[in-house]
């Protein structure tokens, strides 16, 4: 059976649109739990300062 792995990016529902979601929970927990911890991302750069920013320039495309 397949399960989400830490570091994978999926597209999922956000408040207003589909967003990239980075899986951060560990693989063992992902395999046996119904819950997966993700960090929502954005595809748009704004002039807002965040504590952490990760720029992804390649590796996945919008659905």
PDB file of N, CA and C in Angstrom:
ATOM      1  N   UNK A   1       0.834  -1.175   0.000  1.00  0.00           N
ATOM      2  CA  UNK A   1       0.000   0.000   0.000  1.00  0.00           C
ATOM      3  C   UNK A   1       0.884   1.245   0.000  1.00  0.00           C
ATOM      4  N   UNK A   2       0.498   2.229  -0.749  1.00  0.00           N
ATOM      5  CA  UNK A   2       1.251   3.469  -0.864  1.00  0.00           C
ATOM      6  C   UNK A   2       0.852   4.452   0.239  1.00  0.00           C
ATOM      7  N   UNK A   3       1.796   5.264   0.665  1.00  0.00           N
ATOM      8  CA  UNK A   3       1.512   6.292   1.665  1.00  0.00           C
ATOM      9  C   UNK A   3       2.402   7.498   1.372  1.00  0.00           C
ATOM     10  N   UNK A   4       1.989   8.684   1.813  1.00  0.00           N
ATOM     11  CA  UNK A   4       2.809   9.875   1.586  1.00  0.00           C
ATOM     12  C   UNK A   4       4.122   9.780   2.358  1.00  0.00           C
ATOM     13  N   UNK A   5       5.203  10.176   1.734  1.00  0.00           N
ATOM     14  CA  UNK A   5       6.516  10.137   2.384  1.00  0.00           C
ATOM     15  C   UNK A   5       6.998  11.552   2.691  1.00  0.00           C
ATOM     16  N   UNK A   6       7.741  11.658   3.787  1.00  0.00           N
ATOM     17  CA  UNK A   6       8.289  12.957   4.190  1.00  0.00           C
ATOM     18  C   UNK A   6       9.082  13.558   3.030  1.00  0.00           C
ATOM     19  N   UNK A   7       8.825  14.835   2.763  1.00  0.00           N
ATOM     20  CA  UNK A   7       9.536  15.531   1.692  1.00  0.00           C
ATOM     21  C   UNK A   7       8.778  15.575   0.381  1.00  0.00           C
ATOM     22  N   UNK A   8       7.755  14.739   0.234  1.00  0.00           N
ATOM     23  CA  UNK A   8       6.969  14.754  -0.997  1.00  0.00           C
ATOM     24  C   UNK A   8       6.053  15.975  -1.019  1.00  0.00           C
ATOM     25  N   UNK A   9       5.757  16.447  -2.211  1.00  0.00           N
ATOM     26  CA  UNK A   9       4.846  17.577  -2.388  1.00  0.00           C
ATOM     27  C   UNK A   9       3.610  17.081  -3.108  1.00  0.00           C
ATOM     28  N   UNK A  10       2.466  17.415  -2.534  1.00  0.00           N
ATOM     29  CA  UNK A  10       1.180  17.074  -3.136  1.00  0.00           C
ATOM     30  C   UNK A  10       0.403  18.363  -3.356  1.00  0.00           C
ATOM     31  N   UNK A  11      -0.575  18.314  -4.212  1.00  0.00           N
ATOM     32  CA  UNK A  11      -1.478  19.442  -4.406  1.00  0.00           C
ATOM     33  C   UNK A  11      -2.759  19.142  -3.663  1.00  0.00           C
ATOM     34  N   UNK A  12      -3.225  20.107  -2.855  1.00  0.00           N
ATOM     35  CA  UNK A  12      -4.439  19.891  -2.081  1.00  0.00           C
ATOM     36  C   UNK A  12      -5.194  21.187  -1.860  1.00  0.00           C
ATOM     37  N   UNK A  13      -6.362  21.080  -1.253  1.00  0.00           N
ATOM     38  CA  UNK A  13      -7.221  22.250  -1.086  1.00  0.00           C
ATOM     39  C   UNK A  13      -6.681  23.243  -0.058  1.00  0.00           C
ATOM     40  N   UNK A  14      -6.685  24.504  -0.433  1.00  0.00           N
ATOM     41  CA  UNK A  14      -6.391  25.598   0.481  1.00  0.00           C
ATOM     42  C   UNK A  14      -7.681  26.355   0.738  1.00  0.00           C
ATOM     43  N   UNK A  15      -7.582  27.528   1.331  1.00  0.00           N
ATOM     44  CA  UNK A  15      -8.791  28.310   1.611  1.00  0.00           C
ATOM     45  C   UNK A  15      -9.499  28.742   0.334  1.00  0.00           C
ATOM     46  N   UNK A  16      -8.734  29.179  -0.654  1.00  0.00           N
ATOM     47  CA  UNK A  16      -9.352  29.716  -1.867  1.00  0.00           C
ATOM     48  C   UNK A  16      -8.963  28.982  -3.143  1.00  0.00           C
ATOM     49  N   UNK A  17      -7.912  28.181  -3.091  1.00  0.00           N
ATOM     50  CA  UNK A  17      -7.458  27.504  -4.308  1.00  0.00           C
ATOM     51  C   UNK A  17      -6.613  26.287  -3.950  1.00  0.00           C
ATOM     52  N   UNK A  18      -6.222  25.553  -4.956  1.00  0.00           N
ATOM     53  CA  UNK A  18      -5.351  24.392  -4.770  1.00  0.00           C
ATOM     54  C   UNK A  18      -3.943  24.896  -4.454  1.00  0.00           C
ATOM     55  N   UNK A  19      -3.309  24.301  -3.422  1.00  0.00           N
ATOM     56  CA  UNK A  19      -1.975  24.724  -2.990  1.00  0.00           C
ATOM     57  C   UNK A  19      -1.019  23.537  -2.936  1.00  0.00           C
ATOM     58  N   UNK A  20       0.291  23.812  -3.070  1.00  0.00           N
ATOM     59  CA  UNK A  20       1.269  22.751  -2.844  1.00  0.00           C
ATOM     60  C   UNK A  20       1.369  22.471  -1.345  1.00  0.00           C
ATOM     61  N   UNK A  21       1.434  21.192  -0.985  1.00  0.00           N
ATOM     62  CA  UNK A  21       1.522  20.774   0.416  1.00  0.00           C
ATOM     63  C   UNK A  21       2.766  19.919   0.592  1.00  0.00           C
ATOM     64  N   UNK A  22       3.663  20.314   1.476  1.00  0.00           N
ATOM     65  CA  UNK A  22       4.897  19.583   1.754  1.00  0.00           C
ATOM     66  C   UNK A  22       4.674  18.673   2.950  1.00  0.00           C
ATOM     67  N   UNK A  23       4.905  17.375   2.778  1.00  0.00           N
ATOM     68  CA  UNK A  23       4.733  16.402   3.864  1.00  0.00           C
ATOM     69  C   UNK A  23       5.921  16.516   4.820  1.00  0.00           C
ATOM     70  N   UNK A  24       5.632  16.757   6.120  1.00  0.00           N
ATOM     71  CA  UNK A  24       6.701  16.893   7.116  1.00  0.00           C
ATOM     72  C   UNK A  24       6.636  15.826   8.204  1.00  0.00           C
ATOM     73  N   UNK A  25       5.538  15.096   8.307  1.00  0.00           N
ATOM     74  CA  UNK A  25       5.457  14.024   9.309  1.00  0.00           C
ATOM     75  C   UNK A  25       6.323  12.847   8.866  1.00  0.00           C
ATOM     76  N   UNK A  26       6.749  12.033   9.839  1.00  0.00           N
ATOM     77  CA  UNK A  26       7.689  10.952   9.521  1.00  0.00           C
ATOM     78  C   UNK A  26       7.005   9.787   8.799  1.00  0.00           C
ATOM     79  N   UNK A  27       7.788   9.051   8.048  1.00  0.00           N
ATOM     80  CA  UNK A  27       7.258   7.967   7.216  1.00  0.00           C
ATOM     81  C   UNK A  27       6.571   6.876   8.027  1.00  0.00           C
ATOM     82  N   UNK A  28       7.111   6.552   9.188  1.00  0.00           N
ATOM     83  CA  UNK A  28       6.507   5.507  10.023  1.00  0.00           C
ATOM     84  C   UNK A  28       5.092   5.908  10.430  1.00  0.00           C
ATOM     85  N   UNK A  29       4.940   7.146  10.884  1.00  0.00           N
ATOM     86  CA  UNK A  29       3.619   7.640  11.249  1.00  0.00           C
ATOM     87  C   UNK A  29       2.691   7.719  10.050  1.00  0.00           C
ATOM     88  N   UNK A  30       3.222   8.138   8.916  1.00  0.00           N
ATOM     89  CA  UNK A  30       2.404   8.246   7.704  1.00  0.00           C
ATOM     90  C   UNK A  30       1.889   6.884   7.252  1.00  0.00           C
ATOM     91  N   UNK A  31       2.690   5.855   7.471  1.00  0.00           N
ATOM     92  CA  UNK A  31       2.300   4.506   7.039  1.00  0.00           C
ATOM     93  C   UNK A  31       1.115   3.973   7.843  1.00  0.00           C
ATOM     94  N   UNK A  32       1.073   4.267   9.142  1.00  0.00           N
ATOM     95  CA  UNK A  32       0.074   3.632  10.009  1.00  0.00           C
ATOM     96  C   UNK A  32      -1.022   4.569  10.517  1.00  0.00           C
ATOM     97  N   UNK A  33      -0.917   5.840  10.224  1.00  0.00           N
ATOM     98  CA  UNK A  33      -1.911   6.799  10.718  1.00  0.00           C
ATOM     99  C   UNK A  33      -2.805   7.292   9.586  1.00  0.00           C
ATOM    100  N   UNK A  34      -3.976   7.743   9.942  1.00  0.00           N
ATOM    101  CA  UNK A  34      -4.866   8.368   8.960  1.00  0.00           C
ATOM    102  C   UNK A  34      -4.566   9.853   8.811  1.00  0.00           C
ATOM    103  N   UNK A  35      -3.674  10.377   9.656  1.00  0.00           N
ATOM    104  CA  UNK A  35      -3.327  11.797   9.629  1.00  0.00           C
ATOM    105  C   UNK A  35      -1.904  11.987   9.133  1.00  0.00           C
ATOM    106  N   UNK A  36      -1.712  12.997   8.293  1.00  0.00           N
ATOM    107  CA  UNK A  36      -0.397  13.358   7.783  1.00  0.00           C
ATOM    108  C   UNK A  36      -0.213  14.848   8.036  1.00  0.00           C
ATOM    109  N   UNK A  37       0.953  15.233   8.553  1.00  0.00           N
ATOM    110  CA  UNK A  37       1.231  16.641   8.819  1.00  0.00           C
ATOM    111  C   UNK A  37       1.883  17.254   7.582  1.00  0.00           C
ATOM    112  N   UNK A  38       1.301  18.351   7.102  1.00  0.00           N
ATOM    113  CA  UNK A  38       1.823  19.031   5.917  1.00  0.00           C
ATOM    114  C   UNK A  38       1.995  20.519   6.198  1.00  0.00           C
ATOM    115  N   UNK A  39       2.833  21.152   5.397  1.00  0.00           N
ATOM    116  CA  UNK A  39       2.988  22.602   5.427  1.00  0.00           C
ATOM    117  C   UNK A  39       2.433  23.124   4.111  1.00  0.00           C
ATOM    118  N   UNK A  40       1.435  24.001   4.177  1.00  0.00           N
ATOM    119  CA  UNK A  40       0.908  24.560   2.928  1.00  0.00           C
ATOM    120  C   UNK A  40       1.901  25.553   2.335  1.00  0.00           C
ATOM    121  N   UNK A  41       1.953  25.587   1.034  1.00  0.00           N
ATOM    122  CA  UNK A  41       2.850  26.502   0.340  1.00  0.00           C
ATOM    123  C   UNK A  41       2.081  27.444  -0.556  1.00  0.00           C
ATOM    124  N   UNK A  42       2.815  28.192  -1.329  1.00  0.00           N
ATOM    125  CA  UNK A  42       2.210  29.096  -2.295  1.00  0.00           C
ATOM    126  C   UNK A  42       3.044  29.083  -3.562  1.00  0.00           C
ATOM    127  N   UNK A  43       2.440  29.460  -4.642  1.00  0.00           N
ATOM    128  CA  UNK A  43       3.153  29.529  -5.915  1.00  0.00           C
ATOM    129  C   UNK A  43       3.454  30.972  -6.290  1.00  0.00           C
ATOM    130  N   UNK A  44       3.088  31.907  -5.406  1.00  0.00           N
ATOM    131  CA  UNK A  44       3.258  33.321  -5.713  1.00  0.00           C
ATOM    132  C   UNK A  44       4.175  33.989  -4.697  1.00  0.00           C
ATOM    133  N   UNK A  45       5.123  34.761  -5.189  1.00  0.00           N
ATOM    134  CA  UNK A  45       6.047  35.521  -4.338  1.00  0.00           C
ATOM    135  C   UNK A  45       5.438  36.884  -4.062  1.00  0.00           C
ATOM    136  N   UNK A  46       5.382  37.250  -2.787  1.00  0.00           N
ATOM    137  CA  UNK A  46       4.837  38.555  -2.403  1.00  0.00           C
ATOM    138  C   UNK A  46       5.886  39.340  -1.631  1.00  0.00           C
ATOM    139  N   UNK A  47       5.588  40.598  -1.411  1.00  0.00           N
ATOM    140  CA  UNK A  47       6.500  41.455  -0.651  1.00  0.00           C
ATOM    141  C   UNK A  47       6.201  41.389   0.842  1.00  0.00           C
ATOM    142  N   UNK A  48       5.978  40.183   1.336  1.00  0.00           N
ATOM    143  CA  UNK A  48       5.728  39.953   2.751  1.00  0.00           C
ATOM    144  C   UNK A  48       6.926  39.183   3.306  1.00  0.00           C
ATOM    145  N   UNK A  49       7.403  39.577   4.479  1.00  0.00           N
ATOM    146  CA  UNK A  49       8.535  38.886   5.093  1.00  0.00           C
ATOM    147  C   UNK A  49       7.996  37.786   6.006  1.00  0.00           C
ATOM    148  N   UNK A  50       8.432  36.552   5.755  1.00  0.00           N
ATOM    149  CA  UNK A  50       8.057  35.404   6.569  1.00  0.00           C
ATOM    150  C   UNK A  50       9.275  34.926   7.352  1.00  0.00           C
ATOM    151  N   UNK A  51       9.077  34.273   8.506  1.00  0.00           N
ATOM    152  CA  UNK A  51      10.220  33.760   9.270  1.00  0.00           C
ATOM    153  C   UNK A  51      11.049  32.750   8.469  1.00  0.00           C
ATOM    154  N   UNK A  52      10.383  31.971   7.621  1.00  0.00           N
ATOM    155  CA  UNK A  52      11.065  30.970   6.800  1.00  0.00           C
ATOM    156  C   UNK A  52      10.493  31.032   5.394  1.00  0.00           C
ATOM    157  N   UNK A  53      11.362  31.073   4.412  1.00  0.00           N
ATOM    158  CA  UNK A  53      10.933  31.015   3.019  1.00  0.00           C
ATOM    159  C   UNK A  53      11.784  29.990   2.303  1.00  0.00           C
ATOM    160  N   UNK A  54      11.140  29.146   1.526  1.00  0.00           N
ATOM    161  CA  UNK A  54      11.843  28.146   0.725  1.00  0.00           C
ATOM    162  C   UNK A  54      11.416  28.349  -0.716  1.00  0.00           C
ATOM    163  N   UNK A  55      12.358  28.654  -1.570  1.00  0.00           N
ATOM    164  CA  UNK A  55      12.068  28.875  -2.977  1.00  0.00           C
ATOM    165  C   UNK A  55      12.271  27.572  -3.741  1.00  0.00           C
ATOM    166  N   UNK A  56      11.225  27.120  -4.390  1.00  0.00           N
ATOM    167  CA  UNK A  56      11.303  25.921  -5.219  1.00  0.00           C
ATOM    168  C   UNK A  56      11.180  26.371  -6.663  1.00  0.00           C
ATOM    169  N   UNK A  57      12.232  26.155  -7.439  1.00  0.00           N
ATOM    170  CA  UNK A  57      12.222  26.630  -8.819  1.00  0.00           C
ATOM    171  C   UNK A  57      11.902  25.539  -9.823  1.00  0.00           C
ATOM    172  N   UNK A  58      12.035  24.290  -9.402  1.00  0.00           N
ATOM    173  CA  UNK A  58      11.703  23.196 -10.311  1.00  0.00           C
ATOM    174  C   UNK A  58      11.393  21.946  -9.506  1.00  0.00           C
ATOM    175  N   UNK A  59      10.787  20.963 -10.161  1.00  0.00           N
ATOM    176  CA  UNK A  59      10.536  19.701  -9.482  1.00  0.00           C
ATOM    177  C   UNK A  59       9.082  19.312  -9.399  1.00  0.00           C
ATOM    178  N   UNK A  60       8.181  20.270  -9.552  1.00  0.00           N
ATOM    179  CA  UNK A  60       6.766  19.929  -9.598  1.00  0.00           C
ATOM    180  C   UNK A  60       6.024  20.995 -10.382  1.00  0.00           C
ATOM    181  N   UNK A  61       4.910  20.596 -10.930  1.00  0.00           N
ATOM    182  CA  UNK A  61       4.112  21.531 -11.712  1.00  0.00           C
ATOM    183  C   UNK A  61       2.680  21.524 -11.211  1.00  0.00           C
ATOM    184  N   UNK A  62       1.966  22.582 -11.519  1.00  0.00           N
ATOM    185  CA  UNK A  62       0.570  22.679 -11.098  1.00  0.00           C
ATOM    186  C   UNK A  62      -0.254  21.604 -11.786  1.00  0.00           C
ATOM    187  N   UNK A  63      -1.275  21.105 -11.080  1.00  0.00           N
ATOM    188  CA  UNK A  63      -2.130  20.088 -11.708  1.00  0.00           C
ATOM    189  C   UNK A  63      -2.991  20.700 -12.797  1.00  0.00           C
TER     190      UNK A  63
END
